[in-house]
Amino acid sequence: LAFGRLHVIDVSDIAHPREVAWYEPTDGGVHNVWVAGDTLYLGNYQGGARVLDISGELKGDLLRQGREISWILTADSTGFQPHTPFAWGAVVRDGNIYVADMNSGLWVLRLEPRQQPVP
């Protein structure tokens, strides 16, 4: 199993860098991050793949702030180790999200725009 967090570091004073925000998923480590615009994509090892909103000022615990837009558990019954995700990373191109999983292969995903709640 792998665990670990994404650290957001303020280096405006290079002699005194400081952590200002973090994202720490509860079920896997952060690996191979990709940023496109205000969206961050990452492999989450045994936690699949994650998508985060990184718009605006980043401060504090990004998970508790609800910045996680989406996630997928990249596991299937016919994988090298069945039902065991191990997402290595995510890359975005032309609207598709490509997630490489070491046990189940390549996943090609598309993120639908957020729907506004109906009053």
N, C-alpha and C. Protein backbone atom coordinates (compact mmCIF):
# COMPACT_ATOMS: atom_id res chain seq x y z
N LEU A 1 0.83 -1.19 0.00
CA LEU A 1 0.00 0.00 0.00
C LEU A 1 0.87 1.25 0.00
N ALA A 2 0.34 2.30 -0.58
CA ALA A 2 1.08 3.56 -0.64
C ALA A 2 0.21 4.69 -0.12
N PHE A 3 0.81 5.56 0.66
CA PHE A 3 0.11 6.73 1.18
C PHE A 3 1.01 7.94 1.05
N GLY A 4 0.45 9.10 1.15
CA GLY A 4 1.21 10.34 1.05
C GLY A 4 0.31 11.45 0.57
N ARG A 5 0.74 12.68 0.82
CA ARG A 5 -0.10 13.82 0.50
C ARG A 5 0.51 14.68 -0.59
N LEU A 6 -0.33 15.50 -1.18
CA LEU A 6 0.08 16.54 -2.10
C LEU A 6 0.33 17.79 -1.26
N HIS A 7 1.51 18.37 -1.38
CA HIS A 7 1.87 19.56 -0.62
C HIS A 7 1.83 20.78 -1.54
N VAL A 8 1.18 21.84 -1.11
CA VAL A 8 1.19 23.11 -1.84
C VAL A 8 2.10 24.05 -1.05
N ILE A 9 3.19 24.46 -1.68
CA ILE A 9 4.23 25.22 -1.00
C ILE A 9 4.29 26.64 -1.55
N ASP A 10 4.28 27.62 -0.66
CA ASP A 10 4.47 29.02 -1.02
C ASP A 10 5.98 29.29 -1.02
N VAL A 11 6.51 29.62 -2.20
CA VAL A 11 7.95 29.91 -2.32
C VAL A 11 8.18 31.38 -2.67
N SER A 12 7.22 32.23 -2.34
CA SER A 12 7.40 33.66 -2.63
C SER A 12 8.61 34.23 -1.88
N ASP A 13 8.92 33.65 -0.72
CA ASP A 13 10.16 33.96 -0.01
C ASP A 13 11.00 32.68 -0.09
N ILE A 14 11.83 32.59 -1.09
CA ILE A 14 12.56 31.34 -1.38
C ILE A 14 13.42 30.88 -0.21
N ALA A 15 13.83 31.79 0.63
CA ALA A 15 14.64 31.41 1.79
C ALA A 15 13.79 30.77 2.89
N HIS A 16 12.47 30.97 2.81
CA HIS A 16 11.57 30.43 3.83
C HIS A 16 10.31 29.83 3.20
N PRO A 17 10.44 28.75 2.43
CA PRO A 17 9.25 28.13 1.85
C PRO A 17 8.34 27.60 2.96
N ARG A 18 7.03 27.63 2.70
CA ARG A 18 6.11 27.12 3.72
C ARG A 18 4.91 26.45 3.06
N GLU A 19 4.45 25.39 3.69
CA GLU A 19 3.27 24.69 3.21
C GLU A 19 2.04 25.53 3.53
N VAL A 20 1.21 25.78 2.50
CA VAL A 20 0.00 26.57 2.70
C VAL A 20 -1.27 25.75 2.52
N ALA A 21 -1.16 24.63 1.82
CA ALA A 21 -2.32 23.77 1.59
C ALA A 21 -1.85 22.35 1.34
N TRP A 22 -2.78 21.40 1.45
CA TRP A 22 -2.45 20.01 1.21
C TRP A 22 -3.70 19.25 0.82
N TYR A 23 -3.46 18.13 0.15
CA TYR A 23 -4.54 17.20 -0.20
C TYR A 23 -4.02 15.83 0.19
N GLU A 24 -4.74 15.16 1.07
CA GLU A 24 -4.31 13.85 1.55
C GLU A 24 -5.47 12.87 1.47
N PRO A 25 -5.53 12.11 0.37
CA PRO A 25 -6.59 11.12 0.26
C PRO A 25 -6.42 10.04 1.32
N THR A 26 -7.51 9.48 1.77
CA THR A 26 -7.47 8.52 2.87
C THR A 26 -7.18 7.10 2.41
N ASP A 27 -7.23 6.85 1.10
CA ASP A 27 -7.11 5.47 0.64
C ASP A 27 -5.95 5.21 -0.30
N GLY A 28 -5.05 6.16 -0.48
CA GLY A 28 -3.91 5.92 -1.37
C GLY A 28 -3.00 7.12 -1.40
N GLY A 29 -1.84 6.93 -1.99
CA GLY A 29 -0.86 8.00 -2.07
C GLY A 29 -1.00 8.82 -3.33
N VAL A 30 -0.42 9.99 -3.33
CA VAL A 30 -0.44 10.89 -4.48
C VAL A 30 0.73 10.54 -5.39
N HIS A 31 0.44 10.38 -6.70
CA HIS A 31 1.51 10.05 -7.65
C HIS A 31 1.19 10.63 -9.01
N ASN A 32 2.22 11.12 -9.69
CA ASN A 32 2.14 11.66 -11.05
C ASN A 32 0.95 12.61 -11.24
N VAL A 33 1.19 13.86 -10.93
CA VAL A 33 0.17 14.91 -10.98
C VAL A 33 0.20 15.61 -12.33
N TRP A 34 -0.97 15.98 -12.84
CA TRP A 34 -1.11 16.73 -14.09
C TRP A 34 -2.05 17.89 -13.82
N VAL A 35 -1.68 19.09 -14.26
CA VAL A 35 -2.53 20.27 -14.07
C VAL A 35 -2.92 20.81 -15.43
N ALA A 36 -4.21 21.08 -15.62
CA ALA A 36 -4.73 21.73 -16.82
C ALA A 36 -5.71 22.80 -16.36
N GLY A 37 -5.33 24.07 -16.55
CA GLY A 37 -6.18 25.16 -16.09
C GLY A 37 -6.31 25.14 -14.57
N ASP A 38 -7.54 25.15 -14.09
CA ASP A 38 -7.82 25.14 -12.65
C ASP A 38 -8.14 23.74 -12.13
N THR A 39 -7.70 22.72 -12.86
CA THR A 39 -8.01 21.35 -12.48
C THR A 39 -6.73 20.54 -12.35
N LEU A 40 -6.65 19.76 -11.29
CA LEU A 40 -5.50 18.90 -11.02
C LEU A 40 -5.94 17.45 -11.10
N TYR A 41 -5.18 16.63 -11.80
CA TYR A 41 -5.46 15.21 -11.98
C TYR A 41 -4.31 14.43 -11.37
N LEU A 42 -4.61 13.31 -10.72
CA LEU A 42 -3.52 12.54 -10.13
C LEU A 42 -3.85 11.06 -10.03
N GLY A 43 -2.78 10.26 -10.08
CA GLY A 43 -2.90 8.85 -9.75
C GLY A 43 -2.91 8.75 -8.23
N ASN A 44 -3.67 7.79 -7.73
CA ASN A 44 -3.87 7.67 -6.28
C ASN A 44 -3.57 6.23 -5.84
N TYR A 45 -2.66 5.57 -6.59
CA TYR A 45 -2.30 4.18 -6.30
C TYR A 45 -3.54 3.33 -6.04
N GLN A 46 -3.65 2.69 -4.87
CA GLN A 46 -4.77 1.79 -4.61
C GLN A 46 -6.10 2.55 -4.46
N GLY A 47 -6.05 3.87 -4.49
CA GLY A 47 -7.27 4.68 -4.41
C GLY A 47 -7.81 5.07 -5.77
N GLY A 48 -7.22 4.59 -6.87
CA GLY A 48 -7.70 4.91 -8.21
C GLY A 48 -7.12 6.22 -8.73
N ALA A 49 -7.97 7.06 -9.29
CA ALA A 49 -7.55 8.35 -9.83
C ALA A 49 -8.46 9.44 -9.28
N ARG A 50 -7.92 10.64 -9.11
CA ARG A 50 -8.65 11.75 -8.49
C ARG A 50 -8.56 13.00 -9.36
N VAL A 51 -9.59 13.84 -9.25
CA VAL A 51 -9.63 15.13 -9.95
C VAL A 51 -9.99 16.19 -8.91
N LEU A 52 -9.18 17.27 -8.87
CA LEU A 52 -9.38 18.34 -7.88
C LEU A 52 -9.56 19.69 -8.54
N ASP A 53 -10.38 20.52 -7.93
CA ASP A 53 -10.53 21.93 -8.31
C ASP A 53 -9.45 22.71 -7.57
N ILE A 54 -8.56 23.36 -8.32
CA ILE A 54 -7.49 24.14 -7.67
C ILE A 54 -7.63 25.63 -7.99
N SER A 55 -8.85 26.05 -8.30
CA SER A 55 -9.07 27.47 -8.59
C SER A 55 -8.99 28.30 -7.31
N GLY A 56 -8.71 29.57 -7.48
CA GLY A 56 -8.67 30.48 -6.34
C GLY A 56 -7.47 30.24 -5.45
N GLU A 57 -7.54 30.80 -4.26
CA GLU A 57 -6.44 30.67 -3.30
C GLU A 57 -6.49 29.29 -2.65
N LEU A 58 -5.35 28.64 -2.59
CA LEU A 58 -5.25 27.32 -1.96
C LEU A 58 -4.72 27.48 -0.55
N LYS A 59 -5.56 27.12 0.42
CA LYS A 59 -5.18 27.23 1.83
C LYS A 59 -5.78 26.05 2.59
N GLY A 60 -4.98 25.44 3.44
CA GLY A 60 -5.49 24.39 4.32
C GLY A 60 -5.76 23.07 3.63
N ASP A 61 -6.66 22.30 4.20
CA ASP A 61 -6.97 20.93 3.79
C ASP A 61 -7.93 20.93 2.59
N LEU A 62 -7.43 20.65 1.41
CA LEU A 62 -8.23 20.70 0.19
C LEU A 62 -9.30 19.62 0.16
N LEU A 63 -9.06 18.47 0.76
CA LEU A 63 -10.06 17.41 0.81
C LEU A 63 -11.25 17.86 1.66
N ARG A 64 -10.99 18.38 2.83
CA ARG A 64 -12.07 18.83 3.72
C ARG A 64 -12.84 20.01 3.15
N GLN A 65 -12.21 20.76 2.26
CA GLN A 65 -12.88 21.90 1.62
C GLN A 65 -13.81 21.47 0.50
N GLY A 66 -13.80 20.18 0.16
CA GLY A 66 -14.66 19.69 -0.91
C GLY A 66 -14.14 19.99 -2.30
N ARG A 67 -12.83 20.12 -2.45
CA ARG A 67 -12.26 20.43 -3.76
C ARG A 67 -12.11 19.20 -4.65
N GLU A 68 -12.38 18.03 -4.12
CA GLU A 68 -12.33 16.83 -4.95
C GLU A 68 -13.57 16.82 -5.85
N ILE A 69 -13.34 16.87 -7.16
CA ILE A 69 -14.43 16.93 -8.13
C ILE A 69 -14.93 15.53 -8.44
N SER A 70 -13.99 14.60 -8.62
CA SER A 70 -14.38 13.26 -9.05
C SER A 70 -13.27 12.27 -8.72
N TRP A 71 -13.62 10.99 -8.73
CA TRP A 71 -12.62 9.94 -8.59
C TRP A 71 -13.17 8.67 -9.23
N ILE A 72 -12.28 7.78 -9.58
CA ILE A 72 -12.67 6.49 -10.12
C ILE A 72 -11.73 5.43 -9.55
N LEU A 73 -12.30 4.33 -9.17
CA LEU A 73 -11.51 3.20 -8.69
C LEU A 73 -11.13 2.36 -9.91
N THR A 74 -9.87 2.38 -10.29
CA THR A 74 -9.41 1.73 -11.52
C THR A 74 -9.08 0.26 -11.27
N ALA A 75 -10.12 -0.52 -11.08
CA ALA A 75 -9.94 -1.96 -10.83
C ALA A 75 -10.93 -2.72 -11.69
N ASP A 76 -10.55 -3.91 -12.10
CA ASP A 76 -11.51 -4.78 -12.77
C ASP A 76 -11.21 -6.23 -12.43
N SER A 77 -12.15 -7.09 -12.76
CA SER A 77 -12.04 -8.50 -12.37
C SER A 77 -11.00 -9.27 -13.16
N THR A 78 -10.54 -8.73 -14.28
CA THR A 78 -9.58 -9.45 -15.12
C THR A 78 -8.18 -8.85 -15.08
N GLY A 79 -7.93 -7.93 -14.16
CA GLY A 79 -6.63 -7.29 -14.07
C GLY A 79 -5.54 -8.25 -13.62
N PHE A 80 -4.29 -7.80 -13.74
CA PHE A 80 -3.14 -8.60 -13.31
C PHE A 80 -3.34 -9.09 -11.88
N GLN A 81 -3.79 -8.21 -11.02
CA GLN A 81 -4.26 -8.57 -9.69
C GLN A 81 -5.72 -8.14 -9.65
N PRO A 82 -6.66 -9.08 -9.85
CA PRO A 82 -8.07 -8.73 -9.96
C PRO A 82 -8.57 -7.89 -8.78
N HIS A 83 -9.45 -6.94 -9.10
CA HIS A 83 -10.11 -6.09 -8.11
C HIS A 83 -9.12 -5.29 -7.26
N THR A 84 -7.92 -5.02 -7.80
CA THR A 84 -6.89 -4.30 -7.05
C THR A 84 -6.38 -3.13 -7.88
N PRO A 85 -6.87 -1.92 -7.63
CA PRO A 85 -6.39 -0.77 -8.39
C PRO A 85 -4.97 -0.39 -7.99
N PHE A 86 -4.23 0.17 -8.94
CA PHE A 86 -2.92 0.74 -8.66
C PHE A 86 -2.64 1.81 -9.71
N ALA A 87 -3.38 2.91 -9.60
CA ALA A 87 -3.29 4.00 -10.58
C ALA A 87 -1.97 4.74 -10.43
N TRP A 88 -1.21 4.76 -11.50
CA TRP A 88 0.14 5.32 -11.51
C TRP A 88 0.12 6.81 -11.79
N GLY A 89 -0.78 7.26 -12.65
CA GLY A 89 -0.82 8.67 -12.99
C GLY A 89 -1.94 8.98 -13.95
N ALA A 90 -2.17 10.27 -14.16
CA ALA A 90 -3.21 10.73 -15.07
C ALA A 90 -2.63 11.82 -15.97
N VAL A 91 -3.00 11.78 -17.24
CA VAL A 91 -2.59 12.78 -18.23
C VAL A 91 -3.84 13.22 -18.97
N VAL A 92 -3.95 14.51 -19.27
CA VAL A 92 -5.12 15.05 -19.94
C VAL A 92 -4.73 15.55 -21.32
N ARG A 93 -5.57 15.20 -22.32
CA ARG A 93 -5.36 15.69 -23.68
C ARG A 93 -6.69 15.65 -24.42
N ASP A 94 -7.01 16.76 -25.08
CA ASP A 94 -8.21 16.86 -25.92
C ASP A 94 -9.48 16.42 -25.19
N GLY A 95 -9.60 16.77 -23.93
CA GLY A 95 -10.81 16.46 -23.17
C GLY A 95 -10.85 15.08 -22.57
N ASN A 96 -9.88 14.25 -22.86
CA ASN A 96 -9.83 12.91 -22.28
C ASN A 96 -8.81 12.86 -21.15
N ILE A 97 -9.10 12.03 -20.16
CA ILE A 97 -8.18 11.78 -19.05
C ILE A 97 -7.66 10.36 -19.23
N TYR A 98 -6.37 10.22 -19.36
CA TYR A 98 -5.75 8.91 -19.54
C TYR A 98 -5.11 8.51 -18.21
N VAL A 99 -5.59 7.41 -17.64
CA VAL A 99 -5.09 6.94 -16.35
C VAL A 99 -4.43 5.59 -16.56
N ALA A 100 -3.15 5.51 -16.24
CA ALA A 100 -2.42 4.24 -16.33
C ALA A 100 -2.50 3.53 -14.99
N ASP A 101 -2.99 2.30 -15.02
CA ASP A 101 -3.08 1.49 -13.81
C ASP A 101 -2.21 0.26 -14.01
N MET A 102 -1.31 0.02 -13.08
CA MET A 102 -0.34 -1.07 -13.24
C MET A 102 -0.97 -2.45 -13.19
N ASN A 103 -2.16 -2.59 -12.63
CA ASN A 103 -2.82 -3.89 -12.57
C ASN A 103 -3.87 -4.08 -13.65
N SER A 104 -4.55 -3.01 -14.05
CA SER A 104 -5.70 -3.18 -14.95
C SER A 104 -5.55 -2.48 -16.29
N GLY A 105 -4.43 -1.81 -16.55
CA GLY A 105 -4.20 -1.23 -17.86
C GLY A 105 -4.54 0.25 -17.96
N LEU A 106 -4.84 0.69 -19.18
CA LEU A 106 -5.10 2.10 -19.46
C LEU A 106 -6.60 2.37 -19.44
N TRP A 107 -6.98 3.39 -18.71
CA TRP A 107 -8.37 3.84 -18.64
C TRP A 107 -8.45 5.17 -19.36
N VAL A 108 -9.43 5.32 -20.25
CA VAL A 108 -9.66 6.58 -20.94
C VAL A 108 -11.01 7.12 -20.45
N LEU A 109 -10.96 8.29 -19.83
CA LEU A 109 -12.13 8.86 -19.16
C LEU A 109 -12.44 10.24 -19.70
N ARG A 110 -13.65 10.67 -19.50
CA ARG A 110 -14.05 12.04 -19.84
C ARG A 110 -14.83 12.58 -18.65
N LEU A 111 -14.45 13.76 -18.20
CA LEU A 111 -15.11 14.41 -17.07
C LEU A 111 -16.24 15.28 -17.58
N GLU A 112 -17.45 15.01 -17.13
CA GLU A 112 -18.60 15.82 -17.50
C GLU A 112 -18.58 17.12 -16.69
N PRO A 113 -19.02 18.22 -17.28
CA PRO A 113 -19.06 19.48 -16.52
C PRO A 113 -19.98 19.33 -15.30
N ARG A 114 -19.65 20.05 -14.25
CA ARG A 114 -20.49 20.03 -13.05
C ARG A 114 -21.88 20.54 -13.37
N GLN A 115 -22.87 19.86 -12.84
CA GLN A 115 -24.26 20.30 -12.99
C GLN A 115 -24.64 21.14 -11.78
N GLN A 116 -25.31 22.23 -12.02
CA GLN A 116 -25.79 23.07 -10.92
C GLN A 116 -26.99 22.38 -10.28
N PRO A 117 -27.10 22.43 -8.95
CA PRO A 117 -28.25 21.82 -8.29
C PRO A 117 -29.55 22.47 -8.73
N VAL A 118 -30.57 21.67 -8.85
CA VAL A 118 -31.89 22.18 -9.22
C VAL A 118 -32.59 22.66 -7.96
N PRO A 119 -33.09 23.93 -7.93
CA PRO A 119 -33.73 24.43 -6.70
C PRO A 119 -35.06 23.75 -6.42
